[in-house]
Amino acid sequence: MLVVIANDLPPAVRGRMKLWFVEPRPNVFVSGVKDSVGKVVVDYLHQHCPPESGLMIFRRINKTPGYEILGVGDIRRSIIEISGLQLVQEREGEALISNGENTIS
């Protein structure tokens, strides 16, 4: 499985992504491709996306914890590692909207 979240993709890359991925929301791509194809897609993204694309890639791997998080370019959230577990850190004071109510994380 491969999930790609982008800030902004070049049109050519976005069109190519739609060959392998479903786009449930703008700039959010989800695919169930095999691990070997996923590696090819990640390499393609590294080669063809400028830093402004701001890619966050979640990729399934065969080691614990079962996934890997990669950041390419200017991502809006930081990737941290705690005891070997990769996590995505929200910015301090960022507002979350859930069920129509604003809450501070």
N, C-alpha and C. Protein backbone atom coordinates (compact mmCIF):
# COMPACT_ATOMS: atom_id res chain seq x y z
N MET A 1 0.84 -1.18 0.00
CA MET A 1 0.00 0.00 0.00
C MET A 1 0.88 1.23 0.00
N LEU A 2 0.41 2.26 -0.66
CA LEU A 2 1.15 3.50 -0.79
C LEU A 2 0.16 4.65 -0.71
N VAL A 3 0.46 5.63 0.15
CA VAL A 3 -0.36 6.84 0.27
C VAL A 3 0.56 8.03 0.07
N VAL A 4 0.15 8.94 -0.81
CA VAL A 4 0.95 10.14 -1.09
C VAL A 4 0.07 11.36 -0.83
N ILE A 5 0.57 12.27 -0.01
CA ILE A 5 -0.12 13.53 0.25
C ILE A 5 0.80 14.63 -0.24
N ALA A 6 0.28 15.49 -1.11
CA ALA A 6 1.11 16.53 -1.72
C ALA A 6 0.54 17.91 -1.45
N ASN A 7 1.43 18.89 -1.38
CA ASN A 7 0.98 20.29 -1.31
C ASN A 7 0.55 20.74 -2.70
N ASP A 8 1.38 20.42 -3.70
CA ASP A 8 1.10 20.84 -5.07
C ASP A 8 1.94 19.98 -6.02
N LEU A 9 1.29 19.35 -6.98
CA LEU A 9 1.99 18.51 -7.94
C LEU A 9 1.98 19.13 -9.33
N PRO A 10 3.06 18.98 -10.09
CA PRO A 10 3.03 19.40 -11.49
C PRO A 10 1.96 18.60 -12.24
N PRO A 11 1.29 19.20 -13.22
CA PRO A 11 0.21 18.51 -13.94
C PRO A 11 0.64 17.18 -14.57
N ALA A 12 1.85 17.11 -15.11
CA ALA A 12 2.31 15.86 -15.72
C ALA A 12 2.44 14.74 -14.70
N VAL A 13 2.95 15.07 -13.52
CA VAL A 13 3.11 14.07 -12.46
C VAL A 13 1.74 13.65 -11.94
N ARG A 14 0.85 14.62 -11.76
CA ARG A 14 -0.50 14.31 -11.28
C ARG A 14 -1.23 13.36 -12.23
N GLY A 15 -1.11 13.60 -13.53
CA GLY A 15 -1.72 12.72 -14.52
C GLY A 15 -1.14 11.32 -14.47
N ARG A 16 0.16 11.24 -14.30
CA ARG A 16 0.83 9.93 -14.20
C ARG A 16 0.41 9.18 -12.94
N MET A 17 0.22 9.92 -11.84
CA MET A 17 -0.19 9.32 -10.57
C MET A 17 -1.55 8.65 -10.70
N LYS A 18 -2.41 9.21 -11.52
CA LYS A 18 -3.76 8.66 -11.67
C LYS A 18 -3.77 7.32 -12.37
N LEU A 19 -2.63 6.89 -12.94
CA LEU A 19 -2.53 5.55 -13.51
C LEU A 19 -2.52 4.50 -12.42
N TRP A 20 -1.89 4.81 -11.29
CA TRP A 20 -1.69 3.83 -10.21
C TRP A 20 -2.58 4.09 -9.00
N PHE A 21 -3.07 5.32 -8.85
CA PHE A 21 -3.70 5.74 -7.60
C PHE A 21 -5.15 6.16 -7.78
N VAL A 22 -5.89 6.10 -6.68
CA VAL A 22 -7.21 6.72 -6.56
C VAL A 22 -6.96 8.04 -5.84
N GLU A 23 -7.67 9.08 -6.24
CA GLU A 23 -7.49 10.39 -5.61
C GLU A 23 -8.78 10.77 -4.86
N PRO A 24 -8.92 10.32 -3.59
CA PRO A 24 -10.17 10.57 -2.86
C PRO A 24 -10.40 12.05 -2.54
N ARG A 25 -9.33 12.80 -2.38
CA ARG A 25 -9.37 14.24 -2.14
C ARG A 25 -8.28 14.87 -2.99
N PRO A 26 -8.40 16.16 -3.31
CA PRO A 26 -7.33 16.78 -4.10
C PRO A 26 -5.96 16.61 -3.42
N ASN A 27 -5.02 16.14 -4.20
CA ASN A 27 -3.63 15.95 -3.78
C ASN A 27 -3.44 14.88 -2.70
N VAL A 28 -4.38 13.97 -2.57
CA VAL A 28 -4.24 12.80 -1.69
C VAL A 28 -4.42 11.58 -2.58
N PHE A 29 -3.39 10.75 -2.68
CA PHE A 29 -3.41 9.60 -3.57
C PHE A 29 -3.23 8.31 -2.77
N VAL A 30 -4.04 7.30 -3.06
CA VAL A 30 -4.00 6.02 -2.35
C VAL A 30 -3.94 4.90 -3.38
N SER A 31 -3.06 3.92 -3.14
CA SER A 31 -2.92 2.81 -4.07
C SER A 31 -2.54 1.53 -3.32
N GLY A 32 -2.96 0.42 -3.85
CA GLY A 32 -2.61 -0.88 -3.29
C GLY A 32 -1.58 -1.60 -4.13
N VAL A 33 -0.67 -0.87 -4.77
CA VAL A 33 0.34 -1.48 -5.63
C VAL A 33 1.28 -2.35 -4.80
N LYS A 34 1.91 -3.30 -5.47
CA LYS A 34 2.90 -4.15 -4.81
C LYS A 34 4.08 -3.30 -4.35
N ASP A 35 4.83 -3.84 -3.40
CA ASP A 35 5.98 -3.11 -2.85
C ASP A 35 7.00 -2.74 -3.92
N SER A 36 7.24 -3.64 -4.86
CA SER A 36 8.24 -3.36 -5.91
C SER A 36 7.77 -2.21 -6.81
N VAL A 37 6.49 -2.18 -7.14
CA VAL A 37 5.95 -1.08 -7.95
C VAL A 37 5.94 0.20 -7.13
N GLY A 38 5.64 0.09 -5.83
CA GLY A 38 5.66 1.25 -4.95
C GLY A 38 7.02 1.91 -4.92
N LYS A 39 8.08 1.10 -4.91
CA LYS A 39 9.44 1.64 -4.92
C LYS A 39 9.70 2.42 -6.21
N VAL A 40 9.23 1.89 -7.34
CA VAL A 40 9.39 2.57 -8.63
C VAL A 40 8.64 3.91 -8.62
N VAL A 41 7.43 3.92 -8.06
CA VAL A 41 6.63 5.14 -7.98
C VAL A 41 7.33 6.18 -7.10
N VAL A 42 7.83 5.76 -5.95
CA VAL A 42 8.54 6.69 -5.05
C VAL A 42 9.77 7.26 -5.74
N ASP A 43 10.52 6.44 -6.45
CA ASP A 43 11.69 6.92 -7.19
C ASP A 43 11.28 7.94 -8.26
N TYR A 44 10.17 7.65 -8.96
CA TYR A 44 9.64 8.57 -9.98
C TYR A 44 9.30 9.92 -9.35
N LEU A 45 8.64 9.89 -8.19
CA LEU A 45 8.27 11.13 -7.52
C LEU A 45 9.49 11.93 -7.10
N HIS A 46 10.52 11.24 -6.59
CA HIS A 46 11.76 11.91 -6.20
C HIS A 46 12.41 12.61 -7.39
N GLN A 47 12.35 11.99 -8.57
CA GLN A 47 13.01 12.54 -9.76
C GLN A 47 12.22 13.67 -10.41
N HIS A 48 10.89 13.62 -10.35
CA HIS A 48 10.08 14.55 -11.14
C HIS A 48 9.32 15.62 -10.36
N CYS A 49 9.44 15.64 -9.06
CA CYS A 49 8.72 16.64 -8.26
C CYS A 49 9.68 17.66 -7.69
N PRO A 50 9.40 18.95 -7.91
CA PRO A 50 10.24 19.98 -7.31
C PRO A 50 9.99 20.05 -5.80
N PRO A 51 10.87 20.68 -5.04
CA PRO A 51 10.69 20.78 -3.58
C PRO A 51 9.37 21.42 -3.17
N GLU A 52 8.82 22.30 -4.01
CA GLU A 52 7.56 22.97 -3.70
C GLU A 52 6.38 21.99 -3.65
N SER A 53 6.57 20.79 -4.21
CA SER A 53 5.49 19.80 -4.22
C SER A 53 5.14 19.35 -2.80
N GLY A 54 6.10 19.35 -1.91
CA GLY A 54 5.86 19.00 -0.52
C GLY A 54 5.18 17.66 -0.34
N LEU A 55 5.85 16.59 -0.71
CA LEU A 55 5.26 15.26 -0.64
C LEU A 55 5.49 14.59 0.70
N MET A 56 4.46 13.96 1.23
CA MET A 56 4.59 13.08 2.38
C MET A 56 4.10 11.72 1.88
N ILE A 57 4.98 10.73 1.95
CA ILE A 57 4.70 9.41 1.39
C ILE A 57 4.68 8.38 2.52
N PHE A 58 3.60 7.62 2.58
CA PHE A 58 3.47 6.53 3.54
C PHE A 58 3.55 5.24 2.74
N ARG A 59 4.54 4.41 3.05
CA ARG A 59 4.78 3.20 2.26
C ARG A 59 4.83 1.99 3.18
N ARG A 60 4.17 0.92 2.75
CA ARG A 60 4.19 -0.33 3.51
C ARG A 60 5.55 -0.99 3.33
N ILE A 61 6.10 -1.48 4.45
CA ILE A 61 7.35 -2.23 4.39
C ILE A 61 7.20 -3.51 5.20
N ASN A 62 8.11 -4.45 5.02
CA ASN A 62 8.02 -5.75 5.69
C ASN A 62 8.74 -5.80 7.03
N LYS A 63 9.12 -4.65 7.56
CA LYS A 63 9.76 -4.58 8.88
C LYS A 63 8.81 -3.87 9.84
N THR A 64 9.02 -4.09 11.12
CA THR A 64 8.24 -3.41 12.13
C THR A 64 8.52 -1.92 12.05
N PRO A 65 7.56 -1.07 12.10
CA PRO A 65 6.15 -1.19 12.44
C PRO A 65 5.24 -1.49 11.25
N GLY A 66 5.81 -1.77 10.07
CA GLY A 66 5.01 -2.12 8.91
C GLY A 66 4.83 -0.99 7.92
N TYR A 67 5.38 0.18 8.22
CA TYR A 67 5.28 1.30 7.31
C TYR A 67 6.53 2.19 7.43
N GLU A 68 6.69 3.03 6.42
CA GLU A 68 7.78 3.99 6.39
C GLU A 68 7.20 5.32 5.92
N ILE A 69 7.60 6.41 6.54
CA ILE A 69 7.13 7.73 6.14
C ILE A 69 8.31 8.48 5.53
N LEU A 70 8.10 8.99 4.32
CA LEU A 70 9.13 9.75 3.61
C LEU A 70 8.62 11.16 3.37
N GLY A 71 9.48 12.14 3.50
CA GLY A 71 9.13 13.52 3.18
C GLY A 71 10.00 14.01 2.05
N VAL A 72 9.38 14.69 1.09
CA VAL A 72 10.12 15.24 -0.04
C VAL A 72 9.76 16.71 -0.17
N GLY A 73 10.76 17.57 -0.10
CA GLY A 73 10.51 19.00 -0.26
C GLY A 73 9.95 19.63 1.00
N ASP A 74 9.17 20.68 0.81
CA ASP A 74 8.63 21.48 1.91
C ASP A 74 7.30 20.90 2.39
N ILE A 75 7.38 19.98 3.36
CA ILE A 75 6.16 19.40 3.91
C ILE A 75 5.67 20.27 5.05
N ARG A 76 4.36 20.31 5.26
CA ARG A 76 3.77 21.22 6.24
C ARG A 76 3.85 20.67 7.67
N ARG A 77 4.08 19.40 7.81
CA ARG A 77 4.21 18.79 9.14
C ARG A 77 5.56 18.10 9.21
N SER A 78 6.05 17.93 10.42
CA SER A 78 7.35 17.29 10.55
C SER A 78 7.21 15.81 10.86
N ILE A 79 8.19 15.04 10.41
CA ILE A 79 8.24 13.60 10.67
C ILE A 79 9.25 13.41 11.80
N ILE A 80 8.80 12.80 12.89
CA ILE A 80 9.68 12.56 14.03
C ILE A 80 9.79 11.06 14.26
N GLU A 81 10.81 10.65 14.99
CA GLU A 81 11.00 9.24 15.31
C GLU A 81 11.14 9.11 16.82
N ILE A 82 10.30 8.27 17.40
CA ILE A 82 10.35 8.01 18.84
C ILE A 82 10.48 6.50 19.02
N SER A 83 11.57 6.08 19.62
CA SER A 83 11.84 4.65 19.86
C SER A 83 11.69 3.81 18.60
N GLY A 84 12.16 4.33 17.48
CA GLY A 84 12.11 3.60 16.22
C GLY A 84 10.78 3.66 15.49
N LEU A 85 9.81 4.41 16.03
CA LEU A 85 8.48 4.53 15.42
C LEU A 85 8.36 5.91 14.79
N GLN A 86 8.12 5.95 13.49
CA GLN A 86 7.96 7.22 12.79
C GLN A 86 6.55 7.76 13.02
N LEU A 87 6.47 9.04 13.32
CA LEU A 87 5.19 9.70 13.56
C LEU A 87 5.16 11.03 12.84
N VAL A 88 3.96 11.52 12.52
CA VAL A 88 3.79 12.83 11.91
C VAL A 88 3.36 13.78 13.02
N GLN A 89 4.12 14.84 13.20
CA GLN A 89 3.86 15.79 14.28
C GLN A 89 3.08 16.99 13.75
N GLU A 90 1.96 17.27 14.40
CA GLU A 90 1.17 18.46 14.08
C GLU A 90 1.91 19.68 14.61
N ARG A 91 1.70 20.81 13.96
CA ARG A 91 2.28 22.04 14.46
C ARG A 91 1.56 22.47 15.73
N GLU A 92 2.29 23.02 16.65
CA GLU A 92 1.71 23.45 17.92
C GLU A 92 0.68 24.55 17.69
N GLY A 93 -0.49 24.40 18.31
CA GLY A 93 -1.53 25.40 18.20
C GLY A 93 -2.35 25.32 16.93
N GLU A 94 -2.15 24.29 16.12
CA GLU A 94 -2.90 24.16 14.88
C GLU A 94 -4.33 23.74 15.19
N ALA A 95 -5.29 24.42 14.61
CA ALA A 95 -6.69 24.13 14.88
C ALA A 95 -7.15 22.93 14.07
N LEU A 96 -7.87 22.05 14.73
CA LEU A 96 -8.47 20.90 14.06
C LEU A 96 -9.97 21.13 14.00
N ILE A 97 -10.58 20.75 12.91
CA ILE A 97 -12.04 20.88 12.78
C ILE A 97 -12.61 19.47 12.75
N SER A 98 -13.43 19.16 13.73
CA SER A 98 -14.08 17.86 13.77
C SER A 98 -15.53 18.06 14.18
N ASN A 99 -16.44 17.53 13.40
CA ASN A 99 -17.87 17.66 13.66
C ASN A 99 -18.31 19.12 13.79
N GLY A 100 -17.70 19.99 13.01
CA GLY A 100 -18.11 21.38 13.00
C GLY A 100 -17.61 22.21 14.17
N GLU A 101 -16.86 21.61 15.10
CA GLU A 101 -16.35 22.34 16.24
C GLU A 101 -14.85 22.54 16.10
N ASN A 102 -14.39 23.71 16.48
CA ASN A 102 -12.95 23.98 16.45
C ASN A 102 -12.34 23.55 17.76
N THR A 103 -11.30 22.76 17.70
CA THR A 103 -10.58 22.36 18.90
C THR A 103 -9.10 22.61 18.65
N ILE A 104 -8.39 22.91 19.68
CA ILE A 104 -6.95 23.14 19.56
C ILE A 104 -6.23 21.85 19.93
N SER A 105 -5.32 21.44 19.05
CA SER A 105 -4.57 20.22 19.34
C SER A 105 -3.37 20.51 20.20
